[in-house]
Amino acid sequence: MTKTRFDGKIALITGGTSGMGLAAARRLLAEGARVVITGRDKARLDAALDDLGGGDRVLAVRGDVADLVDLDALTATIRDRYGRLDVVFANAGVASFGEVTEAEFDRIVTINFKGVFFTVHKTLPLLADGAAVVINASWTLHRGLPGASIYAATKAAVHNLARTLAADLAPRGIRVNSVSPGYIETPMFHDNISAEAEAAVLAAVPAGRLGTAEDVAGAVAFLASAEASYVNGQDLIIDGGLVATASGLTG
């Protein structure tokens, strides 16, 4: 049997019930990993388990990354089941556009920043030397997007966290990077972008299409693999040219 990149590896993916998280779980599972996925909704977790079809190589744990009690329970479950982690994809997050209230500010910061910080913090004792952490950021940390000030600020924060953790964890050989997806066709995208606005979004992307969750999953798999052993503290933009090209500046 051909050896694959994640044979014998244990991977945790938060927010693994749909979109980029589910695609990353599918990709790592296909490449030999045992995968732990989390989500807040049990029905969606059960559906994701059926979708992945990984048998005993997939473990679903219901929990909220913004709840430290849930994160403690998650790490205890992983410790009891596997004893370690080799990959963490801190993916869980929410979008927010439009009017900002104090309650909405607290919700976005708690999930997108606090949740990511404590996901990594709580799993650190389980991370094997030489492990890899990938944090889901956003193209909005590189360019301003009207109406997305709090969301974009949290994504800039988690990329800065990735750089800082890369320095902190270097003595253990643990690499920490982030990915910055552009416009990716996921349930969250359709929840926040109207059908009328989609044409303008597509016009801003030089690739002429929305990204797919699989596009992001491939980048996550690369950063988590030994092929990226000399990549640390970086942000990989997966956006079809939105940030870097002149045509992207029209959006």
C-alpha atoms as a PDB file:
ATOM      1  CA  MET A   1       0.000   0.000   0.000  1.00  0.00           C
ATOM      2  CA  THR A   2       1.310   3.461  -0.907  1.00  0.00           C
ATOM      3  CA  LYS A   3       2.172   5.576   2.106  1.00  0.00           C
ATOM      4  CA  THR A   4       0.287   8.882   2.259  1.00  0.00           C
ATOM      5  CA  ARG A   5       1.258  12.170   3.904  1.00  0.00           C
ATOM      6  CA  PHE A   6      -0.770  11.729   7.083  1.00  0.00           C
ATOM      7  CA  ASP A   7      -0.504   8.026   7.790  1.00  0.00           C
ATOM      8  CA  GLY A   8      -0.520   7.556  11.562  1.00  0.00           C
ATOM      9  CA  LYS A   9      -1.274  11.242  12.230  1.00  0.00           C
ATOM     10  CA  ILE A  10      -4.011  12.552  14.509  1.00  0.00           C
ATOM     11  CA  ALA A  11      -5.729  15.751  13.356  1.00  0.00           C
ATOM     12  CA  LEU A  12      -8.213  18.061  15.065  1.00  0.00           C
ATOM     13  CA  ILE A  13     -10.488  20.282  12.977  1.00  0.00           C
ATOM     14  CA  THR A  14     -12.770  22.719  14.763  1.00  0.00           C
ATOM     15  CA  GLY A  15     -15.915  23.756  12.943  1.00  0.00           C
ATOM     16  CA  GLY A  16     -15.679  20.530  10.971  1.00  0.00           C
ATOM     17  CA  THR A  17     -19.343  20.024  10.136  1.00  0.00           C
ATOM     18  CA  SER A  18     -19.514  21.963   6.867  1.00  0.00           C
ATOM     19  CA  GLY A  19     -17.633  24.128   4.386  1.00  0.00           C
ATOM     20  CA  MET A  20     -13.871  24.418   4.714  1.00  0.00           C
ATOM     21  CA  GLY A  21     -13.680  22.415   7.929  1.00  0.00           C
ATOM     22  CA  LEU A  22     -15.541  19.447   6.488  1.00  0.00           C
ATOM     23  CA  ALA A  23     -13.494  19.579   3.274  1.00  0.00           C
ATOM     24  CA  ALA A  24     -10.251  19.635   5.283  1.00  0.00           C
ATOM     25  CA  ALA A  25     -11.446  16.665   7.332  1.00  0.00           C
ATOM     26  CA  ARG A  26     -12.234  14.768   4.133  1.00  0.00           C
ATOM     27  CA  ARG A  27      -8.815  15.608   2.643  1.00  0.00           C
ATOM     28  CA  LEU A  28      -6.791  14.602   5.708  1.00  0.00           C
ATOM     29  CA  LEU A  29      -8.846  11.443   6.131  1.00  0.00           C
ATOM     30  CA  ALA A  30      -8.199  10.520   2.501  1.00  0.00           C
ATOM     31  CA  GLU A  31      -4.478  10.993   3.111  1.00  0.00           C
ATOM     32  CA  GLY A  32      -4.362   8.608   6.042  1.00  0.00           C
ATOM     33  CA  ALA A  33      -5.073  10.697   9.155  1.00  0.00           C
ATOM     34  CA  ARG A  34      -7.374   9.937  12.024  1.00  0.00           C
ATOM     35  CA  VAL A  35      -9.571  12.996  12.319  1.00  0.00           C
ATOM     36  CA  VAL A  36     -11.418  14.643  15.193  1.00  0.00           C
ATOM     37  CA  ILE A  37     -14.098  17.140  14.191  1.00  0.00           C
ATOM     38  CA  THR A  38     -16.038  19.507  16.414  1.00  0.00           C
ATOM     39  CA  GLY A  39     -19.216  21.512  16.063  1.00  0.00           C
ATOM     40  CA  ARG A  40     -21.930  23.034  18.208  1.00  0.00           C
ATOM     41  CA  ASP A  41     -24.872  21.188  16.629  1.00  0.00           C
ATOM     42  CA  LYS A  42     -25.181  17.441  17.199  1.00  0.00           C
ATOM     43  CA  ALA A  43     -27.397  16.886  14.164  1.00  0.00           C
ATOM     44  CA  ARG A  44     -24.838  18.547  11.903  1.00  0.00           C
ATOM     45  CA  LEU A  45     -22.056  16.520  13.527  1.00  0.00           C
ATOM     46  CA  ASP A  46     -23.965  13.310  12.837  1.00  0.00           C
ATOM     47  CA  ALA A  47     -24.507  14.383   9.219  1.00  0.00           C
ATOM     48  CA  ALA A  48     -20.799  15.168   8.843  1.00  0.00           C
ATOM     49  CA  LEU A  49     -19.888  11.734  10.187  1.00  0.00           C
ATOM     50  CA  ASP A  50     -22.142  10.120   7.607  1.00  0.00           C
ATOM     51  CA  ASP A  51     -20.662  12.313   4.871  1.00  0.00           C
ATOM     52  CA  LEU A  52     -17.072  11.475   5.790  1.00  0.00           C
ATOM     53  CA  GLY A  53     -17.685   7.753   6.074  1.00  0.00           C
ATOM     54  CA  GLY A  54     -14.415   7.215   7.888  1.00  0.00           C
ATOM     55  CA  GLY A  55     -15.631   4.631  10.378  1.00  0.00           C
ATOM     56  CA  ASP A  56     -13.534   4.494  13.525  1.00  0.00           C
ATOM     57  CA  ARG A  57     -10.963   6.858  11.969  1.00  0.00           C
ATOM     58  CA  VAL A  58     -13.304   9.809  12.589  1.00  0.00           C
ATOM     59  CA  LEU A  59     -14.314  11.076  16.015  1.00  0.00           C
ATOM     60  CA  ALA A  60     -17.001  13.769  16.359  1.00  0.00           C
ATOM     61  CA  VAL A  61     -17.116  15.802  19.572  1.00  0.00           C
ATOM     62  CA  ARG A  62     -19.908  18.297  20.198  1.00  0.00           C
ATOM     63  CA  GLY A  63     -18.587  21.552  21.613  1.00  0.00           C
ATOM     64  CA  ASP A  64     -18.278  25.308  21.309  1.00  0.00           C
ATOM     65  CA  VAL A  65     -14.756  26.718  20.878  1.00  0.00           C
ATOM     66  CA  ALA A  66     -15.842  29.834  22.779  1.00  0.00           C
ATOM     67  CA  ASP A  67     -16.635  27.726  25.853  1.00  0.00           C
ATOM     68  CA  LEU A  68     -13.528  26.756  27.815  1.00  0.00           C
ATOM     69  CA  VAL A  69     -15.391  23.957  29.588  1.00  0.00           C
ATOM     70  CA  ASP A  70     -16.173  22.428  26.188  1.00  0.00           C
ATOM     71  CA  LEU A  71     -12.537  22.815  25.118  1.00  0.00           C
ATOM     72  CA  ASP A  72     -11.364  21.085  28.293  1.00  0.00           C
ATOM     73  CA  ALA A  73     -13.774  18.221  27.585  1.00  0.00           C
ATOM     74  CA  LEU A  74     -12.534  18.037  23.992  1.00  0.00           C
ATOM     75  CA  THR A  75      -8.886  17.790  24.984  1.00  0.00           C
ATOM     76  CA  ALA A  76      -9.687  15.175  27.629  1.00  0.00           C
ATOM     77  CA  THR A  77     -11.525  13.099  25.023  1.00  0.00           C
ATOM     78  CA  ILE A  78      -8.628  13.311  22.568  1.00  0.00           C
ATOM     79  CA  ARG A  79      -6.126  12.466  25.308  1.00  0.00           C
ATOM     80  CA  ASP A  80      -8.108   9.402  26.324  1.00  0.00           C
ATOM     81  CA  ARG A  81      -8.683   8.232  22.737  1.00  0.00           C
ATOM     82  CA  TYR A  82      -5.366   9.043  21.034  1.00  0.00           C
ATOM     83  CA  GLY A  83      -2.929  10.466  23.575  1.00  0.00           C
ATOM     84  CA  ARG A  84      -1.638  13.200  21.245  1.00  0.00           C
ATOM     85  CA  LEU A  85      -2.281  15.486  18.285  1.00  0.00           C
ATOM     86  CA  ASP A  86      -0.135  16.002  15.184  1.00  0.00           C
ATOM     87  CA  VAL A  87      -2.290  18.556  13.349  1.00  0.00           C
ATOM     88  CA  VAL A  88      -4.693  21.258  14.509  1.00  0.00           C
ATOM     89  CA  PHE A  89      -6.810  23.227  12.032  1.00  0.00           C
ATOM     90  CA  ALA A  90      -8.391  26.018  14.092  1.00  0.00           C
ATOM     91  CA  ASN A  91     -11.177  26.674  11.635  1.00  0.00           C
ATOM     92  CA  ALA A  92     -14.303  27.484  13.632  1.00  0.00           C
ATOM     93  CA  GLY A  93     -15.474  31.050  13.115  1.00  0.00           C
ATOM     94  CA  VAL A  94     -18.405  33.237  12.174  1.00  0.00           C
ATOM     95  CA  ALA A  95     -18.911  36.153   9.806  1.00  0.00           C
ATOM     96  CA  SER A  96     -20.462  39.513  10.622  1.00  0.00           C
ATOM     97  CA  PHE A  97     -21.293  42.370   8.269  1.00  0.00           C
ATOM     98  CA  GLY A  98     -23.246  45.557   8.842  1.00  0.00           C
ATOM     99  CA  GLU A  99     -24.326  47.239  12.063  1.00  0.00           C
ATOM    100  CA  VAL A 100     -22.108  46.650  15.086  1.00  0.00           C
ATOM    101  CA  THR A 101     -23.655  46.400  18.536  1.00  0.00           C
ATOM    102  CA  GLU A 102     -21.841  45.600  21.758  1.00  0.00           C
ATOM    103  CA  ALA A 103     -23.446  42.150  21.810  1.00  0.00           C
ATOM    104  CA  GLU A 104     -22.369  41.456  18.220  1.00  0.00           C
ATOM    105  CA  PHE A 105     -18.851  42.719  18.937  1.00  0.00           C
ATOM    106  CA  ASP A 106     -18.580  40.345  21.892  1.00  0.00           C
ATOM    107  CA  ARG A 107     -19.949  37.409  19.877  1.00  0.00           C
ATOM    108  CA  ILE A 108     -17.545  37.831  16.970  1.00  0.00           C
ATOM    109  CA  VAL A 109     -14.456  38.445  19.098  1.00  0.00           C
ATOM    110  CA  THR A 110     -15.304  35.581  21.444  1.00  0.00           C
ATOM    111  CA  ILE A 111     -15.710  33.007  18.675  1.00  0.00           C
ATOM    112  CA  ASN A 112     -13.169  34.219  16.121  1.00  0.00           C
ATOM    113  CA  PHE A 113     -10.331  35.259  18.406  1.00  0.00           C
ATOM    114  CA  LYS A 114     -10.851  33.866  21.894  1.00  0.00           C
ATOM    115  CA  GLY A 115     -12.007  30.559  20.437  1.00  0.00           C
ATOM    116  CA  VAL A 116      -8.916  30.227  18.243  1.00  0.00           C
ATOM    117  CA  PHE A 117      -6.538  31.301  20.998  1.00  0.00           C
ATOM    118  CA  PHE A 118      -7.881  28.810  23.508  1.00  0.00           C
ATOM    119  CA  THR A 119      -8.204  26.013  20.953  1.00  0.00           C
ATOM    120  CA  VAL A 120      -4.441  26.194  20.502  1.00  0.00           C
ATOM    121  CA  HIS A 121      -3.723  26.925  24.166  1.00  0.00           C
ATOM    122  CA  LYS A 122      -5.772  23.990  25.439  1.00  0.00           C
ATOM    123  CA  THR A 123      -4.393  21.514  22.892  1.00  0.00           C
ATOM    124  CA  LEU A 124      -0.740  22.467  23.397  1.00  0.00           C
ATOM    125  CA  PRO A 125      -0.103  19.703  25.962  1.00  0.00           C
ATOM    126  CA  LEU A 126      -1.309  17.179  23.369  1.00  0.00           C
ATOM    127  CA  LEU A 127       0.708  18.511  20.443  1.00  0.00           C
ATOM    128  CA  ALA A 128       3.584  16.241  19.525  1.00  0.00           C
ATOM    129  CA  ASP A 129       6.974  17.785  18.871  1.00  0.00           C
ATOM    130  CA  GLY A 130       7.048  18.571  15.163  1.00  0.00           C
ATOM    131  CA  ALA A 131       3.277  19.040  14.966  1.00  0.00           C
ATOM    132  CA  ALA A 132       1.593  21.623  12.735  1.00  0.00           C
ATOM    133  CA  VAL A 133      -1.082  24.199  13.534  1.00  0.00           C
ATOM    134  CA  VAL A 134      -3.073  25.965  10.812  1.00  0.00           C
ATOM    135  CA  ILE A 135      -5.378  28.873  11.676  1.00  0.00           C
ATOM    136  CA  ASN A 136      -8.191  30.005   9.395  1.00  0.00           C
ATOM    137  CA  ALA A 137      -7.836  33.756   8.838  1.00  0.00           C
ATOM    138  CA  SER A 138      -9.272  35.706   5.864  1.00  0.00           C
ATOM    139  CA  TRP A 139      -8.295  37.795   2.852  1.00  0.00           C
ATOM    140  CA  THR A 140      -9.834  40.736   4.734  1.00  0.00           C
ATOM    141  CA  LEU A 141      -6.752  40.968   6.926  1.00  0.00           C
ATOM    142  CA  HIS A 142      -4.898  42.153   3.794  1.00  0.00           C
ATOM    143  CA  ARG A 143      -7.501  44.576   2.408  1.00  0.00           C
ATOM    144  CA  GLY A 144     -10.328  46.656   3.796  1.00  0.00           C
ATOM    145  CA  LEU A 145     -13.869  45.410   3.168  1.00  0.00           C
ATOM    146  CA  PRO A 146     -16.702  47.837   3.909  1.00  0.00           C
ATOM    147  CA  GLY A 147     -18.995  46.675   6.677  1.00  0.00           C
ATOM    148  CA  ALA A 148     -16.620  44.016   7.991  1.00  0.00           C
ATOM    149  CA  SER A 149     -14.542  45.934  10.527  1.00  0.00           C
ATOM    150  CA  ILE A 150     -14.911  43.590  13.511  1.00  0.00           C
ATOM    151  CA  TYR A 151     -14.728  40.400  11.469  1.00  0.00           C
ATOM    152  CA  ALA A 152     -11.595  41.591   9.641  1.00  0.00           C
ATOM    153  CA  ALA A 153      -9.970  42.737  12.880  1.00  0.00           C
ATOM    154  CA  THR A 154     -10.423  39.287  14.427  1.00  0.00           C
ATOM    155  CA  LYS A 155      -8.873  37.669  11.369  1.00  0.00           C
ATOM    156  CA  ALA A 156      -5.883  40.016  11.509  1.00  0.00           C
ATOM    157  CA  ALA A 157      -5.560  39.102  15.173  1.00  0.00           C
ATOM    158  CA  VAL A 158      -5.451  35.358  14.552  1.00  0.00           C
ATOM    159  CA  HIS A 159      -2.817  35.711  11.835  1.00  0.00           C
ATOM    160  CA  ASN A 160      -0.683  37.759  14.224  1.00  0.00           C
ATOM    161  CA  LEU A 161      -1.300  35.012  16.771  1.00  0.00           C
ATOM    162  CA  ALA A 162       0.006  32.475  14.252  1.00  0.00           C
ATOM    163  CA  ARG A 163       3.230  34.455  13.815  1.00  0.00           C
ATOM    164  CA  THR A 164       3.727  34.831  17.562  1.00  0.00           C
ATOM    165  CA  LEU A 165       2.997  31.176  18.276  1.00  0.00           C
ATOM    166  CA  ALA A 166       5.411  30.187  15.520  1.00  0.00           C
ATOM    167  CA  ALA A 167       8.149  31.901  17.518  1.00  0.00           C
ATOM    168  CA  ASP A 168       6.930  30.577  20.867  1.00  0.00           C
ATOM    169  CA  LEU A 169       6.708  26.960  19.729  1.00  0.00           C
ATOM    170  CA  ALA A 170       9.802  26.839  17.519  1.00  0.00           C
ATOM    171  CA  PRO A 171      11.885  25.083  20.213  1.00  0.00           C
ATOM    172  CA  ARG A 172       9.489  22.118  19.959  1.00  0.00           C
ATOM    173  CA  GLY A 173       9.553  22.110  16.166  1.00  0.00           C
ATOM    174  CA  ILE A 174       5.853  22.983  16.041  1.00  0.00           C
ATOM    175  CA  ARG A 175       4.981  25.101  12.999  1.00  0.00           C
ATOM    176  CA  VAL A 176       2.095  27.574  13.044  1.00  0.00           C
ATOM    177  CA  ASN A 177       0.708  29.171   9.880  1.00  0.00           C
ATOM    178  CA  SER A 178      -2.564  30.679   8.740  1.00  0.00           C
ATOM    179  CA  VAL A 179      -4.632  30.465   5.579  1.00  0.00           C
ATOM    180  CA  SER A 180      -6.560  33.439   4.206  1.00  0.00           C
ATOM    181  CA  PRO A 181      -9.431  32.276   2.024  1.00  0.00           C
ATOM    182  CA  GLY A 182     -11.040  34.715  -0.370  1.00  0.00           C
ATOM    183  CA  TYR A 183     -14.619  34.302  -1.516  1.00  0.00           C
ATOM    184  CA  ILE A 184     -15.247  30.594  -0.951  1.00  0.00           C
ATOM    185  CA  GLU A 185     -18.553  28.967  -1.847  1.00  0.00           C
ATOM    186  CA  THR A 186     -19.720  27.640   1.507  1.00  0.00           C
ATOM    187  CA  PRO A 187     -22.972  27.838   3.475  1.00  0.00           C
ATOM    188  CA  MET A 188     -21.515  30.828   5.356  1.00  0.00           C
ATOM    189  CA  PHE A 189     -20.847  32.639   2.074  1.00  0.00           C
ATOM    190  CA  HIS A 190     -24.445  32.239   0.938  1.00  0.00           C
ATOM    191  CA  ASP A 191     -25.722  33.248   4.378  1.00  0.00           C
ATOM    192  CA  ASN A 192     -23.898  36.586   4.107  1.00  0.00           C
ATOM    193  CA  ILE A 193     -23.779  37.421   0.370  1.00  0.00           C
ATOM    194  CA  SER A 194     -27.047  37.971  -1.457  1.00  0.00           C
ATOM    195  CA  ALA A 195     -27.654  36.548  -4.921  1.00  0.00           C
ATOM    196  CA  GLU A 196     -27.681  40.120  -6.232  1.00  0.00           C
ATOM    197  CA  ALA A 197     -24.271  40.868  -4.718  1.00  0.00           C
ATOM    198  CA  GLU A 198     -22.670  37.678  -6.024  1.00  0.00           C
ATOM    199  CA  ALA A 199     -22.115  39.110  -9.514  1.00  0.00           C
ATOM    200  CA  ALA A 200     -20.070  41.979  -8.070  1.00  0.00           C
ATOM    201  CA  VAL A 201     -18.080  39.529  -5.980  1.00  0.00           C
ATOM    202  CA  LEU A 202     -17.246  37.417  -9.036  1.00  0.00           C
ATOM    203  CA  ALA A 203     -16.238  40.520 -10.996  1.00  0.00           C
ATOM    204  CA  ALA A 204     -13.641  41.296  -8.305  1.00  0.00           C
ATOM    205  CA  VAL A 205     -11.982  37.855  -8.560  1.00  0.00           C
ATOM    206  CA  PRO A 206      -9.491  37.514 -11.436  1.00  0.00           C
ATOM    207  CA  ALA A 207      -9.986  33.743 -11.488  1.00  0.00           C
ATOM    208  CA  GLY A 208     -13.587  34.378 -12.518  1.00  0.00           C
ATOM    209  CA  ARG A 209     -15.071  31.950 -10.036  1.00  0.00           C
ATOM    210  CA  LEU A 210     -15.698  31.459  -6.364  1.00  0.00           C
ATOM    211  CA  GLY A 211     -13.212  29.319  -4.531  1.00  0.00           C
ATOM    212  CA  THR A 212     -14.225  25.892  -3.288  1.00  0.00           C
ATOM    213  CA  ALA A 213     -13.846  24.413   0.153  1.00  0.00           C
ATOM    214  CA  GLU A 214     -11.550  21.860  -1.488  1.00  0.00           C
ATOM    215  CA  ASP A 215      -9.233  24.671  -2.650  1.00  0.00           C
ATOM    216  CA  VAL A 216      -8.739  25.626   0.979  1.00  0.00           C
ATOM    217  CA  ALA A 217      -8.475  22.027   2.158  1.00  0.00           C
ATOM    218  CA  GLY A 218      -5.560  21.466  -0.221  1.00  0.00           C
ATOM    219  CA  ALA A 219      -3.721  24.462   1.219  1.00  0.00           C
ATOM    220  CA  VAL A 220      -4.368  23.297   4.779  1.00  0.00           C
ATOM    221  CA  ALA A 221      -3.078  19.816   3.943  1.00  0.00           C
ATOM    222  CA  PHE A 222       0.083  21.288   2.436  1.00  0.00           C
ATOM    223  CA  LEU A 223       0.819  23.503   5.451  1.00  0.00           C
ATOM    224  CA  ALA A 224       0.152  20.621   7.837  1.00  0.00           C
ATOM    225  CA  SER A 225       2.419  18.227   5.943  1.00  0.00           C
ATOM    226  CA  ALA A 226       6.150  17.573   5.961  1.00  0.00           C
ATOM    227  CA  GLU A 227       6.297  19.229   2.526  1.00  0.00           C
ATOM    228  CA  ALA A 228       5.909  22.557   4.342  1.00  0.00           C
ATOM    229  CA  SER A 229       8.536  21.779   6.971  1.00  0.00           C
ATOM    230  CA  TYR A 230      10.348  25.070   6.249  1.00  0.00           C
ATOM    231  CA  VAL A 231       7.184  27.196   6.195  1.00  0.00           C
ATOM    232  CA  ASN A 232       6.455  28.827   9.531  1.00  0.00           C
ATOM    233  CA  GLY A 233       4.646  31.950  10.710  1.00  0.00           C
ATOM    234  CA  GLN A 234       3.249  32.612   7.234  1.00  0.00           C
ATOM    235  CA  ASP A 235      -0.148  33.380   5.759  1.00  0.00           C
ATOM    236  CA  LEU A 236      -1.184  31.550   2.591  1.00  0.00           C
ATOM    237  CA  ILE A 237      -3.816  33.462   0.601  1.00  0.00           C
ATOM    238  CA  ILE A 238      -6.288  31.320  -1.364  1.00  0.00           C
ATOM    239  CA  ASP A 239      -8.358  33.915  -3.198  1.00  0.00           C
ATOM    240  CA  GLY A 240      -8.132  33.532  -6.975  1.00  0.00           C
ATOM    241  CA  GLY A 241      -6.001  36.683  -7.181  1.00  0.00           C
ATOM    242  CA  LEU A 242      -8.406  38.978  -5.311  1.00  0.00           C
ATOM    243  CA  VAL A 243      -5.798  40.623  -3.083  1.00  0.00           C
ATOM    244  CA  ALA A 244      -2.742  40.716  -5.303  1.00  0.00           C
ATOM    245  CA  THR A 245      -3.903  41.752  -8.764  1.00  0.00           C
ATOM    246  CA  ALA A 246      -5.085  44.973 -10.329  1.00  0.00           C
ATOM    247  CA  SER A 247      -8.427  43.530 -11.410  1.00  0.00           C
ATOM    248  CA  GLY A 248      -9.057  42.488  -7.820  1.00  0.00           C
ATOM    249  CA  LEU A 249      -8.850  46.134  -6.790  1.00  0.00           C
ATOM    250  CA  THR A 250     -12.051  46.933  -8.644  1.00  0.00           C
ATOM    251  CA  GLY A 251     -14.201  44.977  -6.205  1.00  0.00           C
END
